[in-house]
Amino acid sequence: MDKIYGKIRAAIDKYDMIPENANVAVGVSGGKDSLVLLYCLAKISQYHPRKFTVTAINSVGGKTTETYVYYIKDENDKIEGLF
């Protein structure tokens, strides 16, 4: 996952994608790609020099960003095996 974190962090910095105090909305379908993006952005938001928050958006409702992040932590071995 470190490689993915690095690529996302590099893109954020290179293209100045996230301004200070932004709220980044991530469309979450429940698939691997959107869950990994949500997880990585949530982790990056904890240490990035620009402070920002991350919010999961889905059409089903009822699940928060924290719910998805904890789900991914529980499924971490499966996700780590993807990369």
Protein backbone atom coordinates (compact mmCIF):
# COMPACT_ATOMS: atom_id res chain seq x y z
CA MET A 1 0.00 0.00 0.00
CA ASP A 2 2.95 2.35 0.49
CA LYS A 3 3.39 2.57 -3.29
CA ILE A 4 -0.25 3.59 -3.73
CA TYR A 5 -0.01 6.14 -0.88
CA GLY A 6 3.07 7.62 -2.52
CA LYS A 7 1.44 7.97 -5.93
CA ILE A 8 -1.70 9.56 -4.51
CA ARG A 9 0.31 11.92 -2.30
CA ALA A 10 2.56 12.88 -5.23
CA ALA A 11 -0.47 13.65 -7.42
CA ILE A 12 -2.08 15.74 -4.66
CA ASP A 13 1.10 17.80 -4.31
CA LYS A 14 2.09 18.00 -7.99
CA TYR A 15 -1.31 19.15 -9.22
CA ASP A 16 -2.25 21.12 -6.09
CA MET A 17 -5.43 19.07 -5.93
CA ILE A 18 -6.54 19.67 -2.34
CA PRO A 19 -6.64 23.16 -0.81
CA GLU A 20 -6.24 23.83 2.91
CA ASN A 21 -9.33 22.87 4.97
CA ALA A 22 -11.04 21.17 2.02
CA ASN A 23 -13.61 18.44 2.44
CA VAL A 24 -12.84 15.79 -0.17
CA ALA A 25 -15.87 13.74 -1.23
CA VAL A 26 -15.13 10.23 -2.48
CA GLY A 27 -17.84 8.38 -4.38
CA VAL A 28 -17.89 4.89 -2.88
CA SER A 29 -19.51 2.07 -4.78
CA GLY A 30 -18.16 -0.64 -2.50
CA GLY A 31 -15.71 -1.88 -5.13
CA LYS A 32 -12.00 -2.29 -4.51
CA ASP A 33 -10.95 0.87 -6.35
CA SER A 34 -13.21 3.30 -4.52
CA LEU A 35 -12.58 1.67 -1.13
CA VAL A 36 -8.81 1.80 -1.59
CA LEU A 37 -8.98 5.46 -2.69
CA LEU A 38 -11.12 6.33 0.34
CA TYR A 39 -8.78 4.48 2.69
CA CYS A 40 -5.65 6.10 1.25
CA LEU A 41 -7.09 9.62 1.31
CA ALA A 42 -8.30 9.14 4.89
CA LYS A 43 -4.81 8.02 5.96
CA ILE A 44 -3.05 10.80 4.02
CA SER A 45 -5.36 13.40 5.58
CA GLN A 46 -3.94 12.47 8.99
CA TYR A 47 -0.40 13.62 8.18
CA HIS A 48 -0.56 15.85 5.10
CA PRO A 49 0.72 19.41 5.72
CA ARG A 50 -2.55 20.81 4.37
CA LYS A 51 -5.39 19.87 6.66
CA PHE A 52 -8.39 18.31 4.92
CA THR A 53 -11.23 15.94 5.69
CA VAL A 54 -12.57 13.04 3.66
CA THR A 55 -16.23 12.11 3.28
CA ALA A 56 -17.62 8.95 1.70
CA ILE A 57 -20.58 9.49 -0.62
CA ASN A 58 -22.79 6.65 -1.81
CA SER A 59 -26.30 6.17 -3.12
CA VAL A 60 -27.24 3.58 -0.51
CA GLY A 61 -26.75 5.79 2.53
CA GLY A 62 -26.24 4.82 6.12
CA LYS A 63 -22.47 4.33 6.01
CA THR A 64 -19.97 6.96 7.09
CA THR A 65 -16.35 7.42 6.07
CA GLU A 66 -15.33 5.85 9.38
CA THR A 67 -17.52 2.81 8.66
CA TYR A 68 -15.75 2.25 5.36
CA VAL A 69 -12.29 2.86 6.82
CA TYR A 70 -12.91 0.33 9.59
CA TYR A 71 -14.30 -2.13 7.05
CA ILE A 72 -11.11 -1.79 5.04
CA LYS A 73 -8.97 -2.24 8.15
CA ASP A 74 -10.86 -5.48 8.82
CA GLU A 75 -10.26 -6.54 5.23
CA ASN A 76 -6.66 -5.27 5.18
CA ASP A 77 -5.07 -8.62 4.32
CA LYS A 78 -7.27 -8.91 1.23
CA ILE A 79 -6.50 -5.35 0.11
CA GLU A 80 -2.75 -5.68 0.76
CA GLY A 81 -2.81 -8.78 -1.45
CA LEU A 82 -4.10 -6.76 -4.40
CA PHE A 83 -0.89 -4.77 -4.85
